[in-house]
Amino acid sequence: MNQIVNHYGLPAFNFEVGILTPREIEIIERVLLPSKNIAFDLNISEHTVTSHLTNIKNKTGLLDKYQMAYFLGTRQGNIN
């Protein structure tokens, strides 16, 4: 897997190039919620949420939910 690394040495991703599916983006937008809540919001099983989170990690190289939230926040301009 090739990763794009930002100047902090952490993996970076770009929504525009289609690395993540629309459903994975919906998951990452809710990433700090418990999986049970994400599953309820999106009308899917907790197992499916876990599967999507694993796919996101594999595609982006991000290690956990906190890195996902950080990158989403920087992407949306909420974090400098």
Protein backbone atom coordinates (compact mmCIF):
# COMPACT_ATOMS: atom_id res chain seq x y z
CA MET A 1 0.00 0.00 0.00
CA ASN A 2 1.36 3.39 -0.96
CA GLN A 3 0.73 6.14 1.53
CA ILE A 4 0.87 9.88 1.15
CA VAL A 5 2.53 11.30 4.26
CA ASN A 6 2.04 14.88 5.37
CA HIS A 7 4.78 17.09 6.83
CA TYR A 8 4.07 15.71 10.33
CA GLY A 9 4.97 12.20 9.16
CA LEU A 10 1.37 11.03 9.54
CA PRO A 11 -0.60 9.47 6.69
CA ALA A 12 -2.77 11.88 4.72
CA PHE A 13 -5.78 11.28 2.54
CA ASN A 14 -7.78 13.26 0.05
CA PHE A 15 -11.55 12.80 -0.26
CA GLU A 16 -11.60 14.20 -3.80
CA VAL A 17 -9.54 11.39 -5.34
CA GLY A 18 -12.01 8.76 -4.17
CA ILE A 19 -9.89 6.87 -1.67
CA LEU A 20 -12.91 6.49 0.62
CA THR A 21 -16.38 5.37 -0.41
CA PRO A 22 -19.39 7.58 0.39
CA ARG A 23 -20.35 5.18 3.22
CA GLU A 24 -16.84 5.27 4.66
CA ILE A 25 -17.03 9.06 4.67
CA GLU A 26 -20.32 8.84 6.60
CA ILE A 27 -18.58 6.56 9.11
CA ILE A 28 -15.54 8.82 9.48
CA GLU A 29 -17.81 11.84 10.04
CA ARG A 30 -19.19 10.03 13.11
CA VAL A 31 -15.94 8.36 14.14
CA LEU A 32 -15.86 9.64 17.72
CA LEU A 33 -19.28 8.18 18.48
CA PRO A 34 -19.51 4.63 19.84
CA SER A 35 -19.89 2.04 17.06
CA LYS A 36 -23.35 1.21 18.39
CA ASN A 37 -24.50 4.80 17.82
CA ILE A 38 -22.94 4.94 14.35
CA ALA A 39 -24.72 1.70 13.46
CA PHE A 40 -28.05 3.06 14.72
CA ASP A 41 -27.64 6.37 12.85
CA LEU A 42 -26.84 4.65 9.55
CA ASN A 43 -29.19 1.68 10.02
CA ILE A 44 -26.39 -0.89 9.74
CA SER A 45 -24.92 -3.46 12.13
CA GLU A 46 -22.05 -2.79 14.52
CA HIS A 47 -20.08 -5.45 12.65
CA THR A 48 -20.48 -3.44 9.43
CA VAL A 49 -19.25 -0.31 11.21
CA THR A 50 -16.19 -2.20 12.42
CA SER A 51 -15.59 -3.49 8.90
CA HIS A 52 -15.79 0.04 7.46
CA LEU A 53 -13.39 1.34 10.13
CA THR A 54 -10.91 -1.42 9.25
CA ASN A 55 -11.20 -0.56 5.55
CA ILE A 56 -10.62 3.14 6.31
CA LYS A 57 -7.51 2.27 8.35
CA ASN A 58 -6.18 0.04 5.56
CA LYS A 59 -6.80 2.64 2.85
CA THR A 60 -5.41 5.64 4.71
CA GLY A 61 -2.82 4.17 7.06
CA LEU A 62 -4.45 5.95 9.99
CA LEU A 63 -4.04 4.04 13.24
CA ASP A 64 -7.16 4.82 15.22
CA LYS A 65 -10.37 6.84 15.54
CA TYR A 66 -8.51 9.81 17.00
CA GLN A 67 -6.26 10.18 13.97
CA MET A 68 -9.33 9.86 11.75
CA ALA A 69 -11.08 12.62 13.68
CA TYR A 70 -7.96 14.81 13.52
CA PHE A 71 -7.65 14.45 9.76
CA LEU A 72 -11.35 15.04 9.25
CA GLY A 73 -11.12 18.15 11.41
CA THR A 74 -8.13 19.50 9.48
CA ARG A 75 -9.86 18.71 6.18
CA GLN A 76 -12.97 20.63 7.22
CA GLY A 77 -10.92 23.53 8.58
CA ASN A 78 -11.95 22.95 12.19
CA ILE A 79 -8.35 22.26 13.26
CA ASN A 80 -5.34 24.30 12.15
